[in-house]
N, C-alpha and C. Protein backbone atom coordinates (compact mmCIF):
# COMPACT_ATOMS: atom_id res chain seq x y z
N MET A 1 -220.06 -96.06 -24.37
CA MET A 1 -220.39 -97.42 -24.71
C MET A 1 -219.12 -98.11 -25.23
N ASP A 2 -218.88 -99.31 -24.74
CA ASP A 2 -217.68 -100.05 -25.13
C ASP A 2 -217.99 -100.94 -26.34
N THR A 3 -217.92 -100.34 -27.52
CA THR A 3 -218.14 -101.09 -28.75
C THR A 3 -216.80 -101.48 -29.34
N LEU A 4 -216.83 -102.45 -30.22
CA LEU A 4 -215.60 -102.85 -30.89
C LEU A 4 -215.04 -101.67 -31.69
N ARG A 5 -215.91 -100.93 -32.32
CA ARG A 5 -215.46 -99.74 -33.08
C ARG A 5 -214.71 -98.78 -32.16
N ASN A 6 -215.27 -98.49 -30.99
CA ASN A 6 -214.61 -97.56 -30.08
C ASN A 6 -213.27 -98.10 -29.59
N ARG A 7 -213.21 -99.38 -29.30
CA ARG A 7 -211.96 -99.99 -28.87
C ARG A 7 -210.91 -99.88 -29.98
N LEU A 8 -211.32 -100.18 -31.22
CA LEU A 8 -210.39 -100.08 -32.35
C LEU A 8 -209.95 -98.64 -32.57
N ARG A 9 -210.89 -97.71 -32.53
CA ARG A 9 -210.54 -96.31 -32.76
C ARG A 9 -209.53 -95.83 -31.72
N GLU A 10 -209.75 -96.19 -30.47
CA GLU A 10 -208.84 -95.78 -29.41
C GLU A 10 -207.47 -96.45 -29.55
N ALA A 11 -207.47 -97.73 -29.84
CA ALA A 11 -206.22 -98.49 -29.92
C ALA A 11 -205.38 -98.14 -31.15
N THR A 12 -206.00 -97.57 -32.18
CA THR A 12 -205.26 -97.25 -33.41
C THR A 12 -205.16 -95.75 -33.67
N ALA A 13 -205.57 -94.95 -32.73
CA ALA A 13 -205.62 -93.49 -32.94
C ALA A 13 -204.27 -92.91 -33.36
N SER A 14 -203.20 -93.32 -32.70
CA SER A 14 -201.89 -92.74 -33.04
C SER A 14 -201.44 -93.19 -34.43
N GLN A 15 -201.73 -94.43 -34.80
CA GLN A 15 -201.39 -94.89 -36.15
C GLN A 15 -202.20 -94.12 -37.19
N HIS A 16 -203.46 -93.94 -36.91
CA HIS A 16 -204.33 -93.21 -37.83
C HIS A 16 -203.79 -91.80 -38.05
N GLU A 17 -203.39 -91.15 -36.97
CA GLU A 17 -202.82 -89.80 -37.08
C GLU A 17 -201.55 -89.80 -37.92
N ARG A 18 -200.68 -90.79 -37.73
CA ARG A 18 -199.44 -90.86 -38.51
C ARG A 18 -199.72 -91.07 -39.99
N VAL A 19 -200.69 -91.92 -40.30
CA VAL A 19 -201.05 -92.15 -41.70
C VAL A 19 -201.62 -90.87 -42.31
N ASP A 20 -202.53 -90.22 -41.59
CA ASP A 20 -203.09 -88.96 -42.09
C ASP A 20 -201.99 -87.92 -42.32
N ALA A 21 -201.06 -87.82 -41.40
CA ALA A 21 -199.97 -86.86 -41.54
C ALA A 21 -199.10 -87.20 -42.75
N ALA A 22 -198.81 -88.47 -42.94
CA ALA A 22 -197.96 -88.88 -44.08
C ALA A 22 -198.64 -88.55 -45.40
N PHE A 23 -199.93 -88.81 -45.50
CA PHE A 23 -200.63 -88.53 -46.75
C PHE A 23 -200.94 -87.04 -46.93
N SER A 24 -200.92 -86.26 -45.86
CA SER A 24 -201.18 -84.83 -46.01
C SER A 24 -200.05 -84.12 -46.75
N ALA A 25 -198.89 -84.78 -46.88
CA ALA A 25 -197.77 -84.21 -47.62
C ALA A 25 -198.00 -84.26 -49.13
N TYR A 26 -198.96 -85.03 -49.57
CA TYR A 26 -199.23 -85.16 -51.01
C TYR A 26 -199.98 -83.93 -51.51
N ARG A 27 -199.57 -83.45 -52.67
CA ARG A 27 -200.21 -82.29 -53.29
C ARG A 27 -201.39 -82.75 -54.13
N LEU A 28 -202.54 -82.84 -53.50
CA LEU A 28 -203.73 -83.31 -54.20
C LEU A 28 -204.33 -82.25 -55.11
N ASP A 29 -203.74 -81.08 -55.10
CA ASP A 29 -204.20 -80.02 -56.00
C ASP A 29 -203.43 -80.03 -57.32
N GLN A 30 -202.55 -81.02 -57.48
CA GLN A 30 -201.77 -81.17 -58.70
C GLN A 30 -201.91 -82.59 -59.22
N PRO A 31 -202.05 -82.77 -60.53
CA PRO A 31 -202.22 -84.12 -61.07
C PRO A 31 -201.13 -85.10 -60.64
N ALA A 32 -199.87 -84.69 -60.63
CA ALA A 32 -198.79 -85.60 -60.24
C ALA A 32 -198.91 -86.01 -58.77
N GLY A 33 -199.28 -85.09 -57.93
CA GLY A 33 -199.46 -85.41 -56.51
C GLY A 33 -200.64 -86.33 -56.28
N TYR A 34 -201.71 -86.07 -57.00
CA TYR A 34 -202.89 -86.93 -56.88
C TYR A 34 -202.59 -88.33 -57.40
N ARG A 35 -201.88 -88.43 -58.52
CA ARG A 35 -201.50 -89.73 -59.07
C ARG A 35 -200.62 -90.49 -58.08
N ALA A 36 -199.66 -89.82 -57.46
CA ALA A 36 -198.80 -90.47 -56.46
C ALA A 36 -199.62 -90.96 -55.27
N PHE A 37 -200.57 -90.16 -54.86
CA PHE A 37 -201.47 -90.55 -53.76
C PHE A 37 -202.22 -91.84 -54.11
N LEU A 38 -202.76 -91.88 -55.33
CA LEU A 38 -203.49 -93.07 -55.77
C LEU A 38 -202.56 -94.28 -55.90
N GLN A 39 -201.33 -94.06 -56.39
CA GLN A 39 -200.36 -95.17 -56.51
C GLN A 39 -200.06 -95.75 -55.12
N ALA A 40 -199.89 -94.87 -54.14
CA ALA A 40 -199.62 -95.34 -52.78
C ALA A 40 -200.80 -96.15 -52.25
N HIS A 41 -201.99 -95.68 -52.48
CA HIS A 41 -203.17 -96.43 -52.03
C HIS A 41 -203.28 -97.76 -52.75
N ALA A 42 -202.97 -97.77 -54.02
CA ALA A 42 -203.05 -99.02 -54.80
C ALA A 42 -202.04 -100.04 -54.27
N GLN A 43 -200.88 -99.57 -53.85
CA GLN A 43 -199.85 -100.48 -53.32
C GLN A 43 -200.40 -101.26 -52.13
N VAL A 44 -201.31 -100.67 -51.38
CA VAL A 44 -201.90 -101.33 -50.22
C VAL A 44 -203.19 -102.04 -50.58
N LEU A 45 -204.08 -101.32 -51.24
CA LEU A 45 -205.43 -101.83 -51.44
C LEU A 45 -205.51 -103.05 -52.34
N PHE A 46 -204.73 -103.07 -53.41
CA PHE A 46 -204.80 -104.21 -54.34
C PHE A 46 -204.48 -105.53 -53.63
N PRO A 47 -203.31 -105.65 -53.03
CA PRO A 47 -203.01 -106.93 -52.37
C PRO A 47 -203.89 -107.20 -51.15
N LEU A 48 -204.28 -106.15 -50.44
CA LEU A 48 -205.10 -106.34 -49.25
C LEU A 48 -206.48 -106.87 -49.60
N GLU A 49 -207.11 -106.30 -50.62
CA GLU A 49 -208.42 -106.81 -51.01
C GLU A 49 -208.33 -108.26 -51.48
N ILE A 50 -207.28 -108.59 -52.21
CA ILE A 50 -207.11 -109.98 -52.66
C ILE A 50 -206.92 -110.89 -51.45
N GLU A 51 -206.11 -110.45 -50.50
CA GLU A 51 -205.87 -111.23 -49.28
C GLU A 51 -207.18 -111.45 -48.52
N LEU A 52 -207.98 -110.41 -48.40
CA LEU A 52 -209.27 -110.53 -47.71
C LEU A 52 -210.20 -111.48 -48.46
N GLU A 53 -210.19 -111.40 -49.76
CA GLU A 53 -211.05 -112.28 -50.55
C GLU A 53 -210.62 -113.73 -50.41
N GLN A 54 -209.33 -113.98 -50.40
CA GLN A 54 -208.84 -115.35 -50.22
C GLN A 54 -209.19 -115.89 -48.84
N ALA A 55 -209.34 -115.00 -47.87
CA ALA A 55 -209.70 -115.41 -46.52
C ALA A 55 -211.21 -115.53 -46.33
N GLY A 56 -211.99 -115.16 -47.35
CA GLY A 56 -213.44 -115.32 -47.27
C GLY A 56 -214.21 -114.12 -46.79
N ILE A 57 -213.71 -112.92 -47.08
CA ILE A 57 -214.40 -111.71 -46.61
C ILE A 57 -215.84 -111.63 -47.12
N GLU A 58 -216.09 -112.20 -48.30
CA GLU A 58 -217.45 -112.12 -48.84
C GLU A 58 -218.44 -112.95 -48.03
N LYS A 59 -217.96 -113.84 -47.19
CA LYS A 59 -218.85 -114.57 -46.28
C LYS A 59 -219.15 -113.72 -45.04
N MET A 60 -218.23 -112.83 -44.71
CA MET A 60 -218.42 -111.94 -43.56
C MET A 60 -219.24 -110.71 -43.96
N LEU A 61 -218.95 -110.21 -45.15
CA LEU A 61 -219.65 -109.04 -45.70
C LEU A 61 -220.23 -109.45 -47.04
N GLU A 62 -221.48 -109.84 -47.04
CA GLU A 62 -222.10 -110.34 -48.27
C GLU A 62 -222.09 -109.31 -49.39
N ASP A 63 -222.07 -108.05 -49.03
CA ASP A 63 -222.06 -106.99 -50.05
C ASP A 63 -220.62 -106.59 -50.45
N TRP A 64 -219.66 -107.47 -50.18
CA TRP A 64 -218.27 -107.18 -50.51
C TRP A 64 -218.08 -106.71 -51.95
N PRO A 65 -218.75 -107.32 -52.94
CA PRO A 65 -218.53 -106.83 -54.31
C PRO A 65 -218.85 -105.34 -54.46
N LYS A 66 -219.79 -104.82 -53.69
CA LYS A 66 -220.08 -103.38 -53.73
C LYS A 66 -219.02 -102.58 -53.00
N ARG A 67 -218.35 -103.20 -52.06
CA ARG A 67 -217.36 -102.51 -51.23
C ARG A 67 -215.97 -102.47 -51.87
N SER A 68 -215.63 -103.47 -52.63
CA SER A 68 -214.30 -103.55 -53.23
C SER A 68 -214.04 -102.33 -54.11
N ARG A 69 -212.89 -101.73 -53.94
CA ARG A 69 -212.56 -100.50 -54.67
C ARG A 69 -211.39 -100.65 -55.62
N ARG A 70 -210.89 -101.86 -55.80
CA ARG A 70 -209.74 -102.06 -56.69
C ARG A 70 -209.98 -101.54 -58.09
N GLN A 71 -211.10 -101.89 -58.68
CA GLN A 71 -211.35 -101.50 -60.06
C GLN A 71 -211.49 -99.98 -60.18
N ALA A 72 -212.18 -99.36 -59.24
CA ALA A 72 -212.32 -97.90 -59.26
C ALA A 72 -210.96 -97.23 -59.16
N LEU A 73 -210.11 -97.76 -58.31
CA LEU A 73 -208.77 -97.21 -58.14
C LEU A 73 -207.94 -97.41 -59.41
N LEU A 74 -208.02 -98.59 -60.00
CA LEU A 74 -207.29 -98.85 -61.25
C LEU A 74 -207.77 -97.92 -62.36
N ASP A 75 -209.08 -97.73 -62.47
CA ASP A 75 -209.62 -96.84 -63.50
C ASP A 75 -209.09 -95.42 -63.33
N ASP A 76 -209.05 -94.93 -62.08
CA ASP A 76 -208.54 -93.59 -61.83
C ASP A 76 -207.05 -93.50 -62.13
N LEU A 77 -206.31 -94.50 -61.72
CA LEU A 77 -204.86 -94.51 -62.00
C LEU A 77 -204.59 -94.47 -63.50
N GLN A 78 -205.28 -95.29 -64.24
CA GLN A 78 -205.07 -95.34 -65.69
C GLN A 78 -205.46 -94.02 -66.34
N ALA A 79 -206.51 -93.38 -65.85
CA ALA A 79 -206.91 -92.08 -66.40
C ALA A 79 -205.84 -91.02 -66.16
N LEU A 80 -205.04 -91.21 -65.11
CA LEU A 80 -203.98 -90.25 -64.78
C LEU A 80 -202.60 -90.69 -65.26
N GLY A 81 -202.55 -91.79 -66.02
CA GLY A 81 -201.27 -92.26 -66.52
C GLY A 81 -200.50 -93.12 -65.54
N GLY A 82 -201.16 -93.56 -64.49
CA GLY A 82 -200.53 -94.45 -63.52
C GLY A 82 -200.71 -95.89 -63.94
N SER A 83 -200.24 -96.79 -63.11
CA SER A 83 -200.33 -98.21 -63.46
C SER A 83 -200.72 -99.05 -62.25
N GLU A 84 -201.15 -100.25 -62.56
CA GLU A 84 -201.49 -101.21 -61.50
C GLU A 84 -200.20 -101.64 -60.82
N PRO A 85 -200.22 -101.74 -59.48
CA PRO A 85 -199.01 -102.18 -58.79
C PRO A 85 -198.70 -103.63 -59.11
N ALA A 86 -197.46 -103.99 -58.94
CA ALA A 86 -197.05 -105.38 -59.16
C ALA A 86 -197.80 -106.28 -58.18
N ALA A 87 -198.13 -107.45 -58.65
CA ALA A 87 -198.86 -108.40 -57.80
C ALA A 87 -197.98 -108.83 -56.63
N ALA A 88 -198.59 -108.83 -55.46
CA ALA A 88 -197.88 -109.27 -54.26
C ALA A 88 -198.03 -110.78 -54.11
N GLN A 89 -197.06 -111.38 -53.48
CA GLN A 89 -197.13 -112.82 -53.22
C GLN A 89 -198.16 -113.07 -52.14
N PRO A 90 -199.09 -113.99 -52.38
CA PRO A 90 -200.08 -114.28 -51.35
C PRO A 90 -199.43 -114.92 -50.14
N GLY A 91 -199.90 -114.51 -48.98
CA GLY A 91 -199.40 -115.10 -47.74
C GLY A 91 -200.40 -116.10 -47.20
N ALA A 92 -200.20 -116.49 -45.99
CA ALA A 92 -201.14 -117.40 -45.34
C ALA A 92 -202.46 -116.65 -45.12
N ALA A 93 -203.56 -117.35 -45.25
CA ALA A 93 -204.87 -116.72 -45.07
C ALA A 93 -204.98 -116.21 -43.63
N PRO A 94 -205.34 -114.94 -43.49
CA PRO A 94 -205.48 -114.39 -42.14
C PRO A 94 -206.75 -114.90 -41.47
N SER A 95 -206.82 -114.72 -40.17
CA SER A 95 -207.99 -115.14 -39.41
C SER A 95 -209.16 -114.19 -39.68
N SER A 96 -210.33 -114.60 -39.29
CA SER A 96 -211.51 -113.73 -39.43
C SER A 96 -211.32 -112.45 -38.64
N GLY A 97 -210.75 -112.57 -37.45
CA GLY A 97 -210.51 -111.37 -36.64
C GLY A 97 -209.59 -110.39 -37.35
N TRP A 98 -208.51 -110.91 -37.93
CA TRP A 98 -207.58 -110.05 -38.67
C TRP A 98 -208.31 -109.36 -39.81
N CYS A 99 -209.16 -110.10 -40.50
CA CYS A 99 -209.93 -109.52 -41.61
C CYS A 99 -210.83 -108.38 -41.13
N TRP A 100 -211.47 -108.58 -39.99
CA TRP A 100 -212.33 -107.51 -39.47
C TRP A 100 -211.52 -106.26 -39.14
N GLY A 101 -210.34 -106.44 -38.57
CA GLY A 101 -209.50 -105.29 -38.27
C GLY A 101 -209.04 -104.57 -39.52
N ALA A 102 -208.63 -105.33 -40.53
CA ALA A 102 -208.20 -104.73 -41.80
C ALA A 102 -209.38 -104.03 -42.47
N ALA A 103 -210.53 -104.68 -42.46
CA ALA A 103 -211.72 -104.09 -43.10
C ALA A 103 -212.14 -102.80 -42.38
N TYR A 104 -211.97 -102.75 -41.07
CA TYR A 104 -212.27 -101.53 -40.31
C TYR A 104 -211.48 -100.35 -40.86
N VAL A 105 -210.22 -100.57 -41.15
CA VAL A 105 -209.37 -99.49 -41.65
C VAL A 105 -209.77 -99.08 -43.06
N ILE A 106 -209.94 -100.04 -43.96
CA ILE A 106 -210.24 -99.64 -45.35
C ILE A 106 -211.66 -99.13 -45.50
N GLU A 107 -212.59 -99.66 -44.73
CA GLU A 107 -213.96 -99.14 -44.79
C GLU A 107 -214.02 -97.74 -44.19
N GLY A 108 -213.29 -97.52 -43.11
CA GLY A 108 -213.25 -96.20 -42.49
C GLY A 108 -212.61 -95.15 -43.39
N SER A 109 -211.74 -95.59 -44.27
CA SER A 109 -211.07 -94.63 -45.16
C SER A 109 -212.05 -94.01 -46.16
N ARG A 110 -213.20 -94.62 -46.35
CA ARG A 110 -214.21 -94.04 -47.24
C ARG A 110 -214.66 -92.67 -46.75
N LEU A 111 -214.73 -92.51 -45.43
CA LEU A 111 -215.21 -91.25 -44.86
C LEU A 111 -214.26 -90.11 -45.23
N GLY A 112 -212.98 -90.34 -45.07
CA GLY A 112 -211.99 -89.33 -45.47
C GLY A 112 -211.93 -89.16 -46.97
N GLY A 113 -212.21 -90.24 -47.70
CA GLY A 113 -212.20 -90.17 -49.16
C GLY A 113 -213.20 -89.17 -49.70
N ARG A 114 -214.34 -89.09 -49.07
CA ARG A 114 -215.36 -88.12 -49.52
C ARG A 114 -214.87 -86.69 -49.38
N VAL A 115 -214.21 -86.41 -48.26
CA VAL A 115 -213.67 -85.07 -48.03
C VAL A 115 -212.58 -84.76 -49.07
N LEU A 116 -211.70 -85.73 -49.29
CA LEU A 116 -210.62 -85.53 -50.26
C LEU A 116 -211.17 -85.39 -51.67
N ALA A 117 -212.24 -86.12 -52.00
CA ALA A 117 -212.83 -86.02 -53.33
C ALA A 117 -213.28 -84.59 -53.62
N ARG A 118 -213.86 -83.95 -52.63
CA ARG A 118 -214.30 -82.55 -52.83
C ARG A 118 -213.09 -81.64 -53.05
N ARG A 119 -212.02 -81.84 -52.27
CA ARG A 119 -210.82 -81.02 -52.42
C ARG A 119 -210.19 -81.20 -53.80
N VAL A 120 -210.08 -82.46 -54.23
CA VAL A 120 -209.46 -82.74 -55.53
C VAL A 120 -210.33 -82.16 -56.64
N ALA A 121 -211.64 -82.32 -56.55
CA ALA A 121 -212.55 -81.82 -57.59
C ALA A 121 -212.46 -80.30 -57.73
N GLU A 122 -212.28 -79.61 -56.63
CA GLU A 122 -212.14 -78.15 -56.69
C GLU A 122 -210.83 -77.75 -57.37
N ALA A 123 -209.76 -78.45 -57.07
CA ALA A 123 -208.44 -78.10 -57.59
C ALA A 123 -208.21 -78.61 -59.00
N ILE A 124 -208.73 -79.81 -59.29
CA ILE A 124 -208.53 -80.44 -60.60
C ILE A 124 -209.90 -80.91 -61.09
N PRO A 125 -210.68 -80.03 -61.69
CA PRO A 125 -212.05 -80.39 -62.07
C PRO A 125 -212.17 -81.63 -62.96
N SER A 126 -211.15 -81.93 -63.72
CA SER A 126 -211.22 -83.09 -64.62
C SER A 126 -210.70 -84.38 -63.96
N ALA A 127 -210.30 -84.32 -62.70
CA ALA A 127 -209.70 -85.49 -62.04
C ALA A 127 -210.72 -86.61 -61.89
N PRO A 128 -210.30 -87.83 -62.14
CA PRO A 128 -211.18 -88.98 -61.91
C PRO A 128 -211.31 -89.23 -60.40
N LEU A 129 -212.52 -89.45 -59.94
CA LEU A 129 -212.76 -89.58 -58.51
C LEU A 129 -213.50 -90.87 -58.14
N ARG A 130 -213.41 -91.86 -59.00
CA ARG A 130 -214.15 -93.11 -58.72
C ARG A 130 -213.71 -93.75 -57.41
N TYR A 131 -212.42 -93.73 -57.12
CA TYR A 131 -211.91 -94.34 -55.89
C TYR A 131 -212.32 -93.54 -54.65
N LEU A 132 -212.02 -92.25 -54.65
CA LEU A 132 -212.30 -91.44 -53.47
C LEU A 132 -213.80 -91.30 -53.20
N ASP A 133 -214.57 -91.32 -54.25
CA ASP A 133 -216.01 -91.11 -54.12
C ASP A 133 -216.80 -92.42 -54.22
N HIS A 134 -216.12 -93.54 -54.11
CA HIS A 134 -216.73 -94.84 -54.31
C HIS A 134 -217.90 -95.07 -53.35
N SER A 135 -219.04 -95.35 -53.92
CA SER A 135 -220.26 -95.66 -53.15
C SER A 135 -220.61 -94.59 -52.12
N SER A 136 -220.36 -93.35 -52.46
CA SER A 136 -220.62 -92.27 -51.50
C SER A 136 -222.11 -92.10 -51.20
N THR A 137 -222.95 -92.61 -52.06
CA THR A 137 -224.39 -92.47 -51.82
C THR A 137 -224.98 -93.68 -51.10
N SER A 138 -224.18 -94.71 -50.88
CA SER A 138 -224.65 -95.91 -50.19
C SER A 138 -224.28 -95.84 -48.71
N PRO A 139 -225.11 -96.40 -47.86
CA PRO A 139 -224.81 -96.40 -46.41
C PRO A 139 -223.85 -97.54 -46.03
N LEU A 140 -222.70 -97.61 -46.68
CA LEU A 140 -221.78 -98.72 -46.45
C LEU A 140 -221.15 -98.69 -45.05
N TRP A 141 -220.81 -97.51 -44.55
CA TRP A 141 -220.17 -97.42 -43.24
C TRP A 141 -221.12 -97.88 -42.13
N PRO A 142 -222.34 -97.38 -42.06
CA PRO A 142 -223.24 -97.87 -40.99
C PRO A 142 -223.50 -99.37 -41.07
N SER A 143 -223.66 -99.89 -42.27
CA SER A 143 -223.90 -101.34 -42.38
C SER A 143 -222.64 -102.12 -42.01
N PHE A 144 -221.47 -101.57 -42.32
CA PHE A 144 -220.24 -102.23 -41.90
C PHE A 144 -220.15 -102.28 -40.38
N LEU A 145 -220.42 -101.15 -39.73
CA LEU A 145 -220.32 -101.11 -38.27
C LEU A 145 -221.27 -102.12 -37.61
N GLN A 146 -222.43 -102.28 -38.18
CA GLN A 146 -223.39 -103.25 -37.65
C GLN A 146 -222.79 -104.66 -37.73
N LYS A 147 -222.23 -105.00 -38.89
CA LYS A 147 -221.62 -106.33 -39.06
C LYS A 147 -220.38 -106.49 -38.17
N LEU A 148 -219.60 -105.43 -38.04
CA LEU A 148 -218.42 -105.47 -37.19
C LEU A 148 -218.81 -105.82 -35.76
N GLU A 149 -219.84 -105.17 -35.25
CA GLU A 149 -220.27 -105.43 -33.88
C GLU A 149 -220.86 -106.83 -33.74
N GLN A 150 -221.63 -107.25 -34.73
CA GLN A 150 -222.27 -108.56 -34.66
C GLN A 150 -221.27 -109.70 -34.78
N GLN A 151 -220.38 -109.61 -35.75
CA GLN A 151 -219.48 -110.72 -36.05
C GLN A 151 -218.06 -110.51 -35.53
N GLY A 152 -217.56 -109.31 -35.70
CA GLY A 152 -216.18 -109.04 -35.29
C GLY A 152 -215.99 -109.14 -33.79
N SER A 153 -217.02 -108.81 -33.03
CA SER A 153 -216.92 -108.87 -31.57
C SER A 153 -216.72 -110.29 -31.06
N ALA A 154 -217.11 -111.27 -31.86
CA ALA A 154 -216.95 -112.67 -31.46
C ALA A 154 -215.53 -113.18 -31.73
N CYS A 155 -214.73 -112.38 -32.40
CA CYS A 155 -213.36 -112.78 -32.75
C CYS A 155 -212.40 -112.45 -31.61
N ILE A 156 -211.23 -113.03 -31.68
CA ILE A 156 -210.19 -112.76 -30.69
C ILE A 156 -209.72 -111.31 -30.88
N TRP A 157 -209.78 -110.53 -29.80
CA TRP A 157 -209.44 -109.11 -29.85
C TRP A 157 -208.06 -108.87 -30.45
N SER A 158 -207.08 -109.65 -30.05
CA SER A 158 -205.71 -109.42 -30.55
C SER A 158 -205.64 -109.64 -32.06
N ASP A 159 -206.42 -110.55 -32.60
CA ASP A 159 -206.45 -110.75 -34.05
C ASP A 159 -207.04 -109.54 -34.76
N VAL A 160 -208.14 -109.03 -34.22
CA VAL A 160 -208.79 -107.85 -34.81
C VAL A 160 -207.82 -106.67 -34.76
N LEU A 161 -207.22 -106.47 -33.62
CA LEU A 161 -206.28 -105.36 -33.45
C LEU A 161 -205.07 -105.51 -34.37
N ASN A 162 -204.55 -106.73 -34.49
CA ASN A 162 -203.40 -106.95 -35.38
C ASN A 162 -203.75 -106.64 -36.83
N GLY A 163 -204.96 -106.98 -37.26
CA GLY A 163 -205.39 -106.66 -38.62
C GLY A 163 -205.44 -105.16 -38.86
N ALA A 164 -205.98 -104.44 -37.89
CA ALA A 164 -206.04 -102.98 -38.02
C ALA A 164 -204.64 -102.37 -38.01
N HIS A 165 -203.80 -102.80 -37.05
CA HIS A 165 -202.43 -102.28 -36.97
C HIS A 165 -201.66 -102.55 -38.27
N ALA A 166 -201.76 -103.78 -38.75
CA ALA A 166 -201.02 -104.15 -39.97
C ALA A 166 -201.47 -103.31 -41.16
N THR A 167 -202.75 -103.05 -41.25
CA THR A 167 -203.27 -102.27 -42.38
C THR A 167 -202.82 -100.83 -42.30
N PHE A 168 -202.89 -100.23 -41.12
CA PHE A 168 -202.39 -98.87 -40.97
C PHE A 168 -200.90 -98.81 -41.31
N GLU A 169 -200.12 -99.80 -40.88
CA GLU A 169 -198.68 -99.80 -41.19
C GLU A 169 -198.42 -99.92 -42.68
N ARG A 170 -199.22 -100.71 -43.37
CA ARG A 170 -199.07 -100.83 -44.82
C ARG A 170 -199.32 -99.47 -45.48
N PHE A 171 -200.36 -98.77 -45.04
CA PHE A 171 -200.63 -97.45 -45.61
C PHE A 171 -199.51 -96.48 -45.28
N LEU A 172 -198.98 -96.54 -44.08
CA LEU A 172 -197.88 -95.65 -43.70
C LEU A 172 -196.64 -95.93 -44.55
N ASP A 173 -196.31 -97.18 -44.73
CA ASP A 173 -195.16 -97.54 -45.58
C ASP A 173 -195.36 -97.06 -47.02
N ALA A 174 -196.58 -97.24 -47.53
CA ALA A 174 -196.86 -96.82 -48.90
C ALA A 174 -196.79 -95.30 -49.03
N ALA A 175 -197.30 -94.59 -48.04
CA ALA A 175 -197.25 -93.12 -48.07
C ALA A 175 -195.82 -92.63 -48.14
N ARG A 176 -194.97 -93.30 -47.42
CA ARG A 176 -193.55 -92.90 -47.41
C ARG A 176 -192.86 -93.27 -48.71
N SER A 177 -193.22 -94.39 -49.30
CA SER A 177 -192.51 -94.83 -50.50
C SER A 177 -192.95 -94.10 -51.76
N TYR A 178 -194.14 -93.56 -51.78
CA TYR A 178 -194.62 -92.85 -52.97
C TYR A 178 -194.63 -91.34 -52.80
N ARG A 179 -194.12 -90.86 -51.68
CA ARG A 179 -194.15 -89.42 -51.43
C ARG A 179 -193.52 -88.68 -52.60
N PRO A 180 -194.26 -87.75 -53.17
CA PRO A 180 -193.73 -87.03 -54.34
C PRO A 180 -192.57 -86.09 -53.98
């Protein structure tokens, strides 16, 4: 079936693999490695969520307040002695299509977050897991996919793809810059 999700997954597969490989170098079984991992994610997620909010993501995803993970990430960082990243300069508001592509990447990262949360919990039982385990009991991914197909499919494909590509690149850059 030719869904927007399938098109995005296929078009971004190599980027996704590179991001996964870059973050696999982090030692999540050690507090310093886990903190660096969270710092790298914060470098991307904080400005990206703000950018999406300025573009009106809450009109596209009414449950956005439940989806936003900035506060959970900040709480975990502070518990580990990390800090909030410096505020990024806001750019021009992205298109709805770009927002759907970016949201595809960050919403999809929840699935891997659950797996990583279990690994971190086994290695560091006292580790804060609010970010990795955020809304793990809610069906956020299936409801996101439904909205993506309903609304994102009406957007210009190149805008959606550019949003996904840009988000993966931001994560890749952050993984490289915070590598312990």
